[in-house]
C-alpha atoms as a PDB file:
ATOM      1  CA  UNK A   1      59.836   9.370  -3.906  1.00  0.00           C
ATOM      2  CA  UNK A   2      63.376   8.462  -4.878  1.00  0.00           C
ATOM      3  CA  UNK A   3      63.998   5.219  -6.732  1.00  0.00           C
ATOM      4  CA  UNK A   4      67.408   4.421  -5.265  1.00  0.00           C
ATOM      5  CA  UNK A   5      65.960   1.635  -3.104  1.00  0.00           C
ATOM      6  CA  UNK A   6      64.526  -1.129  -5.249  1.00  0.00           C
ATOM      7  CA  UNK A   7      63.079  -3.908  -3.050  1.00  0.00           C
ATOM      8  CA  UNK A   8      64.964  -6.974  -1.894  1.00  0.00           C
ATOM      9  CA  UNK A   9      64.537  -9.787  -4.403  1.00  0.00           C
ATOM     10  CA  UNK A  10      64.190  -7.458  -7.404  1.00  0.00           C
ATOM     11  CA  UNK A  11      67.053  -7.566  -9.937  1.00  0.00           C
ATOM     12  CA  UNK A  12      69.416  -4.707  -9.304  1.00  0.00           C
ATOM     13  CA  UNK A  13      68.519  -4.343  -5.627  1.00  0.00           C
ATOM     14  CA  UNK A  14      71.353  -2.548  -3.844  1.00  0.00           C
ATOM     15  CA  UNK A  15      70.485  -3.613  -0.308  1.00  0.00           C
ATOM     16  CA  UNK A  16      67.907  -5.204   1.986  1.00  0.00           C
ATOM     17  CA  UNK A  17      64.807  -3.692   3.470  1.00  0.00           C
ATOM     18  CA  UNK A  18      64.890  -1.884   6.836  1.00  0.00           C
ATOM     19  CA  UNK A  19      64.299  -3.917  10.036  1.00  0.00           C
ATOM     20  CA  UNK A  20      60.782  -5.071  10.780  1.00  0.00           C
ATOM     21  CA  UNK A  21      58.724  -2.449  12.589  1.00  0.00           C
ATOM     22  CA  UNK A  22      60.221   0.518  10.726  1.00  0.00           C
ATOM     23  CA  UNK A  23      57.974   2.946   8.833  1.00  0.00           C
ATOM     24  CA  UNK A  24      58.355   3.073   5.098  1.00  0.00           C
ATOM     25  CA  UNK A  25      56.627   4.276   1.957  1.00  0.00           C
ATOM     26  CA  UNK A  26      56.326   1.788  -0.904  1.00  0.00           C
ATOM     27  CA  UNK A  27      55.531   2.660  -4.513  1.00  0.00           C
ATOM     28  CA  UNK A  28      54.048  -0.244  -6.464  1.00  0.00           C
ATOM     29  CA  UNK A  29      52.254  -1.059  -9.701  1.00  0.00           C
ATOM     30  CA  UNK A  30      48.501  -1.464  -9.701  1.00  0.00           C
ATOM     31  CA  UNK A  31      46.770  -4.207 -11.696  1.00  0.00           C
ATOM     32  CA  UNK A  32      45.468  -3.384 -15.148  1.00  0.00           C
ATOM     33  CA  UNK A  33      42.177  -1.520 -15.229  1.00  0.00           C
ATOM     34  CA  UNK A  34      43.079   1.136 -12.650  1.00  0.00           C
ATOM     35  CA  UNK A  35      43.062   4.765 -13.887  1.00  0.00           C
ATOM     36  CA  UNK A  36      46.659   5.255 -12.668  1.00  0.00           C
ATOM     37  CA  UNK A  37      49.512   2.751 -13.072  1.00  0.00           C
ATOM     38  CA  UNK A  38      51.267   3.404  -9.730  1.00  0.00           C
ATOM     39  CA  UNK A  39      50.320   4.179  -6.126  1.00  0.00           C
ATOM     40  CA  UNK A  40      52.013   4.573  -2.739  1.00  0.00           C
ATOM     41  CA  UNK A  41      51.338   3.070   0.681  1.00  0.00           C
ATOM     42  CA  UNK A  42      52.784   4.189   4.008  1.00  0.00           C
ATOM     43  CA  UNK A  43      53.007   1.869   6.992  1.00  0.00           C
ATOM     44  CA  UNK A  44      55.106  -0.330   9.280  1.00  0.00           C
ATOM     45  CA  UNK A  45      57.072  -3.135   7.686  1.00  0.00           C
ATOM     46  CA  UNK A  46      55.689  -6.392   9.165  1.00  0.00           C
ATOM     47  CA  UNK A  47      57.060  -8.973   6.697  1.00  0.00           C
ATOM     48  CA  UNK A  48      59.626  -9.157   3.922  1.00  0.00           C
ATOM     49  CA  UNK A  49      58.534 -12.066   1.702  1.00  0.00           C
ATOM     50  CA  UNK A  50      56.182 -10.858   0.418  1.00  0.00           C
ATOM     51  CA  UNK A  51      56.727  -7.237   1.364  1.00  0.00           C
ATOM     52  CA  UNK A  52      53.927  -6.486   3.840  1.00  0.00           C
ATOM     53  CA  UNK A  53      53.080  -3.236   5.611  1.00  0.00           C
ATOM     54  CA  UNK A  54      50.501  -2.302   8.219  1.00  0.00           C
ATOM     55  CA  UNK A  55      48.922   1.123   7.660  1.00  0.00           C
ATOM     56  CA  UNK A  56      47.978   3.606  10.378  1.00  0.00           C
ATOM     57  CA  UNK A  57      44.352   2.426  10.320  1.00  0.00           C
ATOM     58  CA  UNK A  58      45.383  -1.195  10.918  1.00  0.00           C
ATOM     59  CA  UNK A  59      45.019  -2.552   7.379  1.00  0.00           C
ATOM     60  CA  UNK A  60      47.673  -5.052   6.262  1.00  0.00           C
ATOM     61  CA  UNK A  61      48.806  -4.958   2.631  1.00  0.00           C
ATOM     62  CA  UNK A  62      51.084  -7.519   0.969  1.00  0.00           C
ATOM     63  CA  UNK A  63      52.777  -6.587  -2.297  1.00  0.00           C
ATOM     64  CA  UNK A  64      54.369  -9.076  -4.691  1.00  0.00           C
ATOM     65  CA  UNK A  65      58.027  -8.361  -5.419  1.00  0.00           C
ATOM     66  CA  UNK A  66      57.444  -7.894  -9.156  1.00  0.00           C
ATOM     67  CA  UNK A  67      54.947  -5.090  -8.432  1.00  0.00           C
ATOM     68  CA  UNK A  68      57.238  -3.026  -6.173  1.00  0.00           C
ATOM     69  CA  UNK A  69      58.861  -0.088  -7.935  1.00  0.00           C
ATOM     70  CA  UNK A  70      60.697   1.552  -5.013  1.00  0.00           C
ATOM     71  CA  UNK A  71      60.670   2.003  -1.269  1.00  0.00           C
ATOM     72  CA  UNK A  72      61.980   4.538   1.193  1.00  0.00           C
ATOM     73  CA  UNK A  73      62.402   4.286   4.949  1.00  0.00           C
ATOM     74  CA  UNK A  74      60.682   7.045   6.920  1.00  0.00           C
ATOM     75  CA  UNK A  75      61.347   8.516  10.321  1.00  0.00           C
ATOM     76  CA  UNK A  76      59.429   7.347  13.351  1.00  0.00           C
ATOM     77  CA  UNK A  77      55.679   7.913  13.210  1.00  0.00           C
ATOM     78  CA  UNK A  78      54.684  11.131  14.965  1.00  0.00           C
ATOM     79  CA  UNK A  79      53.379  10.325  18.440  1.00  0.00           C
ATOM     80  CA  UNK A  80      50.097  11.948  19.438  1.00  0.00           C
ATOM     81  CA  UNK A  81      49.729  13.575  22.848  1.00  0.00           C
ATOM     82  CA  UNK A  82      46.901  11.159  23.643  1.00  0.00           C
ATOM     83  CA  UNK A  83      49.283   8.230  23.033  1.00  0.00           C
ATOM     84  CA  UNK A  84      51.817   9.676  25.467  1.00  0.00           C
ATOM     85  CA  UNK A  85      49.114  10.077  28.089  1.00  0.00           C
ATOM     86  CA  UNK A  86      47.839   6.522  27.540  1.00  0.00           C
ATOM     87  CA  UNK A  87      51.293   4.931  27.774  1.00  0.00           C
ATOM     88  CA  UNK A  88      52.150   6.908  30.914  1.00  0.00           C
ATOM     89  CA  UNK A  89      48.900   5.659  32.484  1.00  0.00           C
ATOM     90  CA  UNK A  90      49.803   2.050  31.687  1.00  0.00           C
ATOM     91  CA  UNK A  91      53.329   2.591  33.041  1.00  0.00           C
ATOM     92  CA  UNK A  92      51.927   4.156  36.224  1.00  0.00           C
ATOM     93  CA  UNK A  93      49.853   1.006  36.818  1.00  0.00           C
ATOM     94  CA  UNK A  94      52.955  -1.109  36.219  1.00  0.00           C
ATOM     95  CA  UNK A  95      54.916   0.761  38.918  1.00  0.00           C
ATOM     96  CA  UNK A  96      52.166   2.303  41.088  1.00  0.00           C
ATOM     97  CA  UNK A  97      53.849   2.748  44.460  1.00  0.00           C
ATOM     98  CA  UNK A  98      51.959   1.899  47.634  1.00  0.00           C
ATOM     99  CA  UNK A  99      49.492   4.790  47.984  1.00  0.00           C
ATOM    100  CA  UNK A 100      47.805   6.843  45.276  1.00  0.00           C
ATOM    101  CA  UNK A 101      45.338   9.684  44.931  1.00  0.00           C
ATOM    102  CA  UNK A 102      43.904  11.962  42.248  1.00  0.00           C
ATOM    103  CA  UNK A 103      43.974  15.762  42.508  1.00  0.00           C
ATOM    104  CA  UNK A 104      42.826  17.986  39.616  1.00  0.00           C
ATOM    105  CA  UNK A 105      43.933  15.515  36.932  1.00  0.00           C
ATOM    106  CA  UNK A 106      47.201  14.561  38.622  1.00  0.00           C
ATOM    107  CA  UNK A 107      47.906  10.978  39.696  1.00  0.00           C
ATOM    108  CA  UNK A 108      49.813  11.102  42.983  1.00  0.00           C
ATOM    109  CA  UNK A 109      51.929   8.110  44.055  1.00  0.00           C
ATOM    110  CA  UNK A 110      53.842   7.366  47.232  1.00  0.00           C
ATOM    111  CA  UNK A 111      56.111   4.408  47.931  1.00  0.00           C
ATOM    112  CA  UNK A 112      58.197   5.119  51.036  1.00  0.00           C
ATOM    113  CA  UNK A 113      60.533   7.293  48.971  1.00  0.00           C
ATOM    114  CA  UNK A 114      61.802   4.320  46.931  1.00  0.00           C
ATOM    115  CA  UNK A 115      62.315   5.319  43.249  1.00  0.00           C
ATOM    116  CA  UNK A 116      61.105   8.483  41.571  1.00  0.00           C
ATOM    117  CA  UNK A 117      58.362   6.743  39.612  1.00  0.00           C
ATOM    118  CA  UNK A 118      56.674   5.491  42.793  1.00  0.00           C
ATOM    119  CA  UNK A 119      56.944   8.865  44.567  1.00  0.00           C
ATOM    120  CA  UNK A 120      55.885  11.494  42.064  1.00  0.00           C
ATOM    121  CA  UNK A 121      52.771  13.058  40.578  1.00  0.00           C
ATOM    122  CA  UNK A 122      52.093  12.681  36.861  1.00  0.00           C
ATOM    123  CA  UNK A 123      49.588  14.824  34.882  1.00  0.00           C
ATOM    124  CA  UNK A 124      47.379  12.204  33.245  1.00  0.00           C
ATOM    125  CA  UNK A 125      44.271  14.386  33.146  1.00  0.00           C
ATOM    126  CA  UNK A 126      40.739  13.107  33.549  1.00  0.00           C
ATOM    127  CA  UNK A 127      37.164  13.396  32.416  1.00  0.00           C
ATOM    128  CA  UNK A 128      37.247  17.150  33.059  1.00  0.00           C
ATOM    129  CA  UNK A 129      40.247  17.729  30.787  1.00  0.00           C
ATOM    130  CA  UNK A 130      44.019  18.198  31.197  1.00  0.00           C
ATOM    131  CA  UNK A 131      45.629  18.356  34.623  1.00  0.00           C
ATOM    132  CA  UNK A 132      45.539  21.793  36.246  1.00  0.00           C
ATOM    133  CA  UNK A 133      48.826  23.514  37.033  1.00  0.00           C
ATOM    134  CA  UNK A 134      47.988  26.436  39.281  1.00  0.00           C
ATOM    135  CA  UNK A 135      49.127  27.493  42.742  1.00  0.00           C
ATOM    136  CA  UNK A 136      46.109  25.991  44.505  1.00  0.00           C
ATOM    137  CA  UNK A 137      46.548  22.577  42.835  1.00  0.00           C
ATOM    138  CA  UNK A 138      50.269  22.491  43.576  1.00  0.00           C
ATOM    139  CA  UNK A 139      49.552  23.426  47.200  1.00  0.00           C
ATOM    140  CA  UNK A 140      47.093  20.537  47.562  1.00  0.00           C
ATOM    141  CA  UNK A 141      49.534  18.110  45.959  1.00  0.00           C
ATOM    142  CA  UNK A 142      52.306  19.363  48.227  1.00  0.00           C
ATOM    143  CA  UNK A 143      50.110  18.834  51.289  1.00  0.00           C
ATOM    144  CA  UNK A 144      49.414  15.245  50.223  1.00  0.00           C
ATOM    145  CA  UNK A 145      53.115  14.478  49.901  1.00  0.00           C
ATOM    146  CA  UNK A 146      53.906  16.192  53.178  1.00  0.00           C
ATOM    147  CA  UNK A 147      51.316  13.980  54.877  1.00  0.00           C
ATOM    148  CA  UNK A 148      53.192  10.969  53.474  1.00  0.00           C
ATOM    149  CA  UNK A 149      56.567  12.273  54.635  1.00  0.00           C
ATOM    150  CA  UNK A 150      57.769  13.024  51.108  1.00  0.00           C
ATOM    151  CA  UNK A 151      58.837  16.108  49.145  1.00  0.00           C
ATOM    152  CA  UNK A 152      56.781  17.398  46.235  1.00  0.00           C
ATOM    153  CA  UNK A 153      58.138  16.130  42.930  1.00  0.00           C
ATOM    154  CA  UNK A 154      56.431  15.855  39.563  1.00  0.00           C
ATOM    155  CA  UNK A 155      57.035  13.526  36.631  1.00  0.00           C
ATOM    156  CA  UNK A 156      56.414  15.581  33.494  1.00  0.00           C
ATOM    157  CA  UNK A 157      56.151  13.732  30.144  1.00  0.00           C
ATOM    158  CA  UNK A 158      56.507  15.550  26.843  1.00  0.00           C
ATOM    159  CA  UNK A 159      53.639  17.849  25.885  1.00  0.00           C
ATOM    160  CA  UNK A 160      51.388  17.000  28.845  1.00  0.00           C
ATOM    161  CA  UNK A 161      52.300  20.186  30.703  1.00  0.00           C
ATOM    162  CA  UNK A 162      55.012  22.835  30.645  1.00  0.00           C
ATOM    163  CA  UNK A 163      57.864  23.050  33.153  1.00  0.00           C
ATOM    164  CA  UNK A 164      57.281  26.013  35.494  1.00  0.00           C
ATOM    165  CA  UNK A 165      59.863  28.748  35.204  1.00  0.00           C
ATOM    166  CA  UNK A 166      62.484  28.502  37.924  1.00  0.00           C
ATOM    167  CA  UNK A 167      61.755  24.866  38.858  1.00  0.00           C
ATOM    168  CA  UNK A 168      64.685  22.455  38.802  1.00  0.00           C
ATOM    169  CA  UNK A 169      64.699  19.361  36.576  1.00  0.00           C
ATOM    170  CA  UNK A 170      66.639  16.089  36.684  1.00  0.00           C
ATOM    171  CA  UNK A 171      66.748  12.511  35.331  1.00  0.00           C
ATOM    172  CA  UNK A 172      65.739  13.192  31.754  1.00  0.00           C
ATOM    173  CA  UNK A 173      64.394   9.819  30.602  1.00  0.00           C
ATOM    174  CA  UNK A 174      63.532   8.392  27.188  1.00  0.00           C
ATOM    175  CA  UNK A 175      60.548   6.077  26.834  1.00  0.00           C
ATOM    176  CA  UNK A 176      61.016   3.597  23.988  1.00  0.00           C
ATOM    177  CA  UNK A 177      58.329   1.322  22.587  1.00  0.00           C
ATOM    178  CA  UNK A 178      57.894  -1.590  20.210  1.00  0.00           C
ATOM    179  CA  UNK A 179      54.969  -3.268  18.465  1.00  0.00           C
ATOM    180  CA  UNK A 180      55.170  -6.914  19.524  1.00  0.00           C
ATOM    181  CA  UNK A 181      53.375  -8.003  16.374  1.00  0.00           C
ATOM    182  CA  UNK A 182      56.508  -7.054  14.418  1.00  0.00           C
ATOM    183  CA  UNK A 183      59.027  -8.371  16.967  1.00  0.00           C
ATOM    184  CA  UNK A 184      60.634 -11.695  16.058  1.00  0.00           C
ATOM    185  CA  UNK A 185      60.799 -13.651  19.307  1.00  0.00           C
ATOM    186  CA  UNK A 186      63.975 -15.765  19.514  1.00  0.00           C
ATOM    187  CA  UNK A 187      64.010 -19.292  20.952  1.00  0.00           C
ATOM    188  CA  UNK A 188      63.447 -19.520  24.693  1.00  0.00           C
ATOM    189  CA  UNK A 189      66.230 -19.651  27.270  1.00  0.00           C
ATOM    190  CA  UNK A 190      66.312 -23.075  28.987  1.00  0.00           C
ATOM    191  CA  UNK A 191      67.747 -21.712  32.238  1.00  0.00           C
ATOM    192  CA  UNK A 192      65.411 -18.736  32.434  1.00  0.00           C
ATOM    193  CA  UNK A 193      62.528 -18.904  34.881  1.00  0.00           C
ATOM    194  CA  UNK A 194      59.790 -16.340  35.484  1.00  0.00           C
ATOM    195  CA  UNK A 195      58.009 -16.122  38.822  1.00  0.00           C
ATOM    196  CA  UNK A 196      55.193 -13.956  40.146  1.00  0.00           C
ATOM    197  CA  UNK A 197      57.423 -12.604  42.935  1.00  0.00           C
ATOM    198  CA  UNK A 198      61.191 -12.024  43.297  1.00  0.00           C
ATOM    199  CA  UNK A 199      63.061 -14.542  45.428  1.00  0.00           C
ATOM    200  CA  UNK A 200      66.025 -13.816  47.664  1.00  0.00           C
ATOM    201  CA  UNK A 201      68.586 -14.385  44.903  1.00  0.00           C
ATOM    202  CA  UNK A 202      66.758 -11.976  42.561  1.00  0.00           C
ATOM    203  CA  UNK A 203      66.592  -9.299  45.252  1.00  0.00           C
ATOM    204  CA  UNK A 204      70.228  -9.809  46.217  1.00  0.00           C
ATOM    205  CA  UNK A 205      71.426  -9.300  42.658  1.00  0.00           C
ATOM    206  CA  UNK A 206      69.251  -6.238  42.151  1.00  0.00           C
ATOM    207  CA  UNK A 207      70.449  -4.730  45.413  1.00  0.00           C
ATOM    208  CA  UNK A 208      74.130  -5.128  44.588  1.00  0.00           C
ATOM    209  CA  UNK A 209      74.200  -4.677  40.816  1.00  0.00           C
ATOM    210  CA  UNK A 210      70.971  -2.874  39.945  1.00  0.00           C
ATOM    211  CA  UNK A 211      70.112   0.793  40.136  1.00  0.00           C
ATOM    212  CA  UNK A 212      69.627   0.880  43.884  1.00  0.00           C
ATOM    213  CA  UNK A 213      73.248   1.645  44.698  1.00  0.00           C
ATOM    214  CA  UNK A 214      72.548   5.203  43.558  1.00  0.00           C
ATOM    215  CA  UNK A 215      69.606   5.438  45.944  1.00  0.00           C
ATOM    216  CA  UNK A 216      71.766   4.176  48.803  1.00  0.00           C
ATOM    217  CA  UNK A 217      69.148   1.836  50.236  1.00  0.00           C
ATOM    218  CA  UNK A 218      67.949  -1.730  49.679  1.00  0.00           C
ATOM    219  CA  UNK A 219      64.902  -2.356  47.502  1.00  0.00           C
ATOM    220  CA  UNK A 220      61.464  -1.907  49.029  1.00  0.00           C
ATOM    221  CA  UNK A 221      59.964  -5.259  48.069  1.00  0.00           C
ATOM    222  CA  UNK A 222      56.407  -3.968  48.350  1.00  0.00           C
ATOM    223  CA  UNK A 223      57.156  -1.352  45.674  1.00  0.00           C
ATOM    224  CA  UNK A 224      58.811  -3.893  43.369  1.00  0.00           C
ATOM    225  CA  UNK A 225      55.858  -6.268  43.668  1.00  0.00           C
ATOM    226  CA  UNK A 226      53.101  -3.652  43.333  1.00  0.00           C
ATOM    227  CA  UNK A 227      50.935  -3.569  40.206  1.00  0.00           C
ATOM    228  CA  UNK A 228      47.474  -2.200  39.522  1.00  0.00           C
ATOM    229  CA  UNK A 229      45.046  -4.241  37.423  1.00  0.00           C
ATOM    230  CA  UNK A 230      47.894  -6.197  35.854  1.00  0.00           C
ATOM    231  CA  UNK A 231      50.365  -9.038  36.199  1.00  0.00           C
ATOM    232  CA  UNK A 232      54.054  -9.156  37.118  1.00  0.00           C
ATOM    233  CA  UNK A 233      56.844 -11.495  36.055  1.00  0.00           C
ATOM    234  CA  UNK A 234      60.309 -11.651  37.620  1.00  0.00           C
ATOM    235  CA  UNK A 235      62.874 -13.356  35.364  1.00  0.00           C
ATOM    236  CA  UNK A 236      66.111 -15.015  36.473  1.00  0.00           C
ATOM    237  CA  UNK A 237      68.849 -16.650  34.425  1.00  0.00           C
ATOM    238  CA  UNK A 238      71.366 -18.897  36.154  1.00  0.00           C
ATOM    239  CA  UNK A 239      71.513 -21.229  39.164  1.00  0.00           C
ATOM    240  CA  UNK A 240      72.210 -21.037  42.011  1.00  0.00           C
ATOM    241  CA  UNK A 241      73.503 -17.450  41.676  1.00  0.00           C
ATOM    242  CA  UNK A 242      71.673 -15.338  39.056  1.00  0.00           C
ATOM    243  CA  UNK A 243      73.569 -14.244  35.957  1.00  0.00           C
ATOM    244  CA  UNK A 244      70.839 -11.839  34.846  1.00  0.00           C
ATOM    245  CA  UNK A 245      67.421 -10.697  36.048  1.00  0.00           C
ATOM    246  CA  UNK A 246      64.512  -8.555  34.886  1.00  0.00           C
ATOM    247  CA  UNK A 247      60.972  -7.483  35.772  1.00  0.00           C
ATOM    248  CA  UNK A 248      57.942  -7.180  33.500  1.00  0.00           C
ATOM    249  CA  UNK A 249      54.523  -5.664  34.170  1.00  0.00           C
ATOM    250  CA  UNK A 250      51.514  -6.226  31.911  1.00  0.00           C
ATOM    251  CA  UNK A 251      48.869  -3.501  32.203  1.00  0.00           C
ATOM    252  CA  UNK A 252      46.187  -1.956  29.997  1.00  0.00           C
ATOM    253  CA  UNK A 253      46.148   1.697  28.925  1.00  0.00           C
ATOM    254  CA  UNK A 254      42.930   3.770  28.954  1.00  0.00           C
ATOM    255  CA  UNK A 255      42.766   3.480  25.143  1.00  0.00           C
ATOM    256  CA  UNK A 256      42.573  -0.314  25.449  1.00  0.00           C
ATOM    257  CA  UNK A 257      46.113  -1.040  24.249  1.00  0.00           C
ATOM    258  CA  UNK A 258      47.813  -3.681  26.405  1.00  0.00           C
ATOM    259  CA  UNK A 259      51.443  -3.040  27.306  1.00  0.00           C
ATOM    260  CA  UNK A 260      54.285  -4.997  28.854  1.00  0.00           C
ATOM    261  CA  UNK A 261      56.866  -2.766  30.555  1.00  0.00           C
ATOM    262  CA  UNK A 262      60.428  -3.946  31.168  1.00  0.00           C
ATOM    263  CA  UNK A 263      62.290  -2.735  34.246  1.00  0.00           C
ATOM    264  CA  UNK A 264      65.112  -3.863  36.564  1.00  0.00           C
ATOM    265  CA  UNK A 265      67.054  -5.563  33.753  1.00  0.00           C
ATOM    266  CA  UNK A 266      70.426  -6.350  35.315  1.00  0.00           C
ATOM    267  CA  UNK A 267      73.368  -8.540  34.246  1.00  0.00           C
ATOM    268  CA  UNK A 268      76.239  -9.632  36.501  1.00  0.00           C
ATOM    269  CA  UNK A 269      79.396  -7.643  35.736  1.00  0.00           C
ATOM    270  CA  UNK A 270      81.425 -10.666  34.700  1.00  0.00           C
ATOM    271  CA  UNK A 271      78.726 -11.868  32.294  1.00  0.00           C
ATOM    272  CA  UNK A 272      77.975  -8.651  30.430  1.00  0.00           C
ATOM    273  CA  UNK A 273      78.291  -8.291  26.657  1.00  0.00           C
ATOM    274  CA  UNK A 274      77.336 -11.924  26.102  1.00  0.00           C
ATOM    275  CA  UNK A 275      73.717 -11.340  25.127  1.00  0.00           C
ATOM    276  CA  UNK A 276      72.123 -12.200  28.473  1.00  0.00           C
ATOM    277  CA  UNK A 277      70.370  -8.845  28.738  1.00  0.00           C
ATOM    278  CA  UNK A 278      68.823  -9.299  25.306  1.00  0.00           C
ATOM    279  CA  UNK A 279      67.727 -12.832  26.165  1.00  0.00           C
ATOM    280  CA  UNK A 280      66.064 -11.729  29.400  1.00  0.00           C
ATOM    281  CA  UNK A 281      64.228  -8.940  27.581  1.00  0.00           C
ATOM    282  CA  UNK A 282      63.146 -11.223  24.739  1.00  0.00           C
ATOM    283  CA  UNK A 283      61.798 -13.854  27.105  1.00  0.00           C
ATOM    284  CA  UNK A 284      59.902 -11.245  29.138  1.00  0.00           C
ATOM    285  CA  UNK A 285      58.434  -9.859  25.910  1.00  0.00           C
ATOM    286  CA  UNK A 286      57.343 -13.400  25.016  1.00  0.00           C
ATOM    287  CA  UNK A 287      55.828 -13.761  28.502  1.00  0.00           C
ATOM    288  CA  UNK A 288      53.956 -10.478  28.130  1.00  0.00           C
ATOM    289  CA  UNK A 289      52.744 -11.314  24.626  1.00  0.00           C
ATOM    290  CA  UNK A 290      51.307 -14.585  25.925  1.00  0.00           C
ATOM    291  CA  UNK A 291      49.295 -12.498  28.411  1.00  0.00           C
ATOM    292  CA  UNK A 292      47.752 -10.310  25.763  1.00  0.00           C
ATOM    293  CA  UNK A 293      50.319  -7.505  25.446  1.00  0.00           C
ATOM    294  CA  UNK A 294      50.507  -6.095  21.933  1.00  0.00           C
ATOM    295  CA  UNK A 295      53.150  -3.440  22.665  1.00  0.00           C
ATOM    296  CA  UNK A 296      56.096  -3.033  25.026  1.00  0.00           C
ATOM    297  CA  UNK A 297      57.928  -0.097  26.585  1.00  0.00           C
ATOM    298  CA  UNK A 298      61.116   0.627  28.498  1.00  0.00           C
ATOM    299  CA  UNK A 299      62.339   3.755  30.303  1.00  0.00           C
ATOM    300  CA  UNK A 300      66.025   4.651  29.939  1.00  0.00           C
ATOM    301  CA  UNK A 301      67.783   7.600  31.536  1.00  0.00           C
ATOM    302  CA  UNK A 302      69.644   9.899  29.176  1.00  0.00           C
ATOM    303  CA  UNK A 303      73.308   8.966  29.130  1.00  0.00           C
ATOM    304  CA  UNK A 304      72.740   5.244  29.683  1.00  0.00           C
ATOM    305  CA  UNK A 305      74.195   4.405  26.287  1.00  0.00           C
ATOM    306  CA  UNK A 306      74.550   0.706  27.031  1.00  0.00           C
ATOM    307  CA  UNK A 307      70.859   0.212  27.790  1.00  0.00           C
ATOM    308  CA  UNK A 308      69.884   2.463  24.896  1.00  0.00           C
ATOM    309  CA  UNK A 309      71.912   0.331  22.472  1.00  0.00           C
ATOM    310  CA  UNK A 310      70.425  -2.885  23.885  1.00  0.00           C
ATOM    311  CA  UNK A 311      66.822  -1.799  23.390  1.00  0.00           C
ATOM    312  CA  UNK A 312      67.387  -0.232  19.980  1.00  0.00           C
ATOM    313  CA  UNK A 313      69.019  -3.467  18.828  1.00  0.00           C
ATOM    314  CA  UNK A 314      65.860  -5.291  19.905  1.00  0.00           C
ATOM    315  CA  UNK A 315      63.835  -2.900  17.748  1.00  0.00           C
ATOM    316  CA  UNK A 316      62.548  -0.385  20.297  1.00  0.00           C
ATOM    317  CA  UNK A 317      62.077   3.144  18.966  1.00  0.00           C
ATOM    318  CA  UNK A 318      61.689   6.492  20.699  1.00  0.00           C
ATOM    319  CA  UNK A 319      58.158   7.227  21.914  1.00  0.00           C
ATOM    320  CA  UNK A 320      58.604  10.289  24.160  1.00  0.00           C
ATOM    321  CA  UNK A 321      60.645  11.749  27.029  1.00  0.00           C
ATOM    322  CA  UNK A 322      59.878  12.653  30.628  1.00  0.00           C
ATOM    323  CA  UNK A 323      61.779  14.297  33.466  1.00  0.00           C
ATOM    324  CA  UNK A 324      61.355  15.011  37.171  1.00  0.00           C
ATOM    325  CA  UNK A 325      60.783  18.566  38.371  1.00  0.00           C
ATOM    326  CA  UNK A 326      60.427  20.204  41.755  1.00  0.00           C
ATOM    327  CA  UNK A 327      60.180  23.779  43.113  1.00  0.00           C
END
């Protein structure tokens, strides 16, 4: 370990610690009586005074400033394939479409063609192992979508299955996540209200300023208000016309981790770059945390630099990528 980063609060410190939630390795002095004078710990930074980290096995260690010798920020923790699968399952419950079925480890969703997430098959696997990707399985999935008046399209997350040679891909999307235990929730927004369903003003703003202009059709309310074994919150800032809106879905992954997923975050053109998007997200994270969520996720298309900057500023870090594919 290098020693060019003495801790904040130690004489000679040349800078502060990284933001909360970042991974770091800390070298510190052990009390007298130990066979070695120094040791290291690796974990997420959860507090600064005293310096406190949470290790991979969930243990929390606080280290007095006069015992810290050096620290070094690390890259993001490697994400296991099982974690990708679990998060995608929670996200699928948060945006489930209107009909669903399971075929050979694939979760099939249909939602009248509204949004890719609600009208694609994702390889979540099952008790018999990973999802199958052979001609017979694809034929059965294709038949299911044909019966629902939809084309066959797959949502393929990193490492869950390979992209077939010759198939086309589009909408490369980054999934970012954050541990809510390390997120500092700002004060609430007095004008922000969260309801179980979107009202007419919410829907009007999303229709005209949200992502639906690319789809060329108004929102399908039944898709927006669908959730499986979870709870939804629709946030609005501003009266009578909304200045900003957002949607949150709290669901539980198969591994027991409870997630809140943020979608539909939209700010009126004339009110952008004033922090309203961040405030909506923060309040929805607070809402989700109050309902038992310990982690949060967002899905951002590649190239959406504005949204990417917003979520990274809040502390979200890259979890994995997915993309849509079709024959």
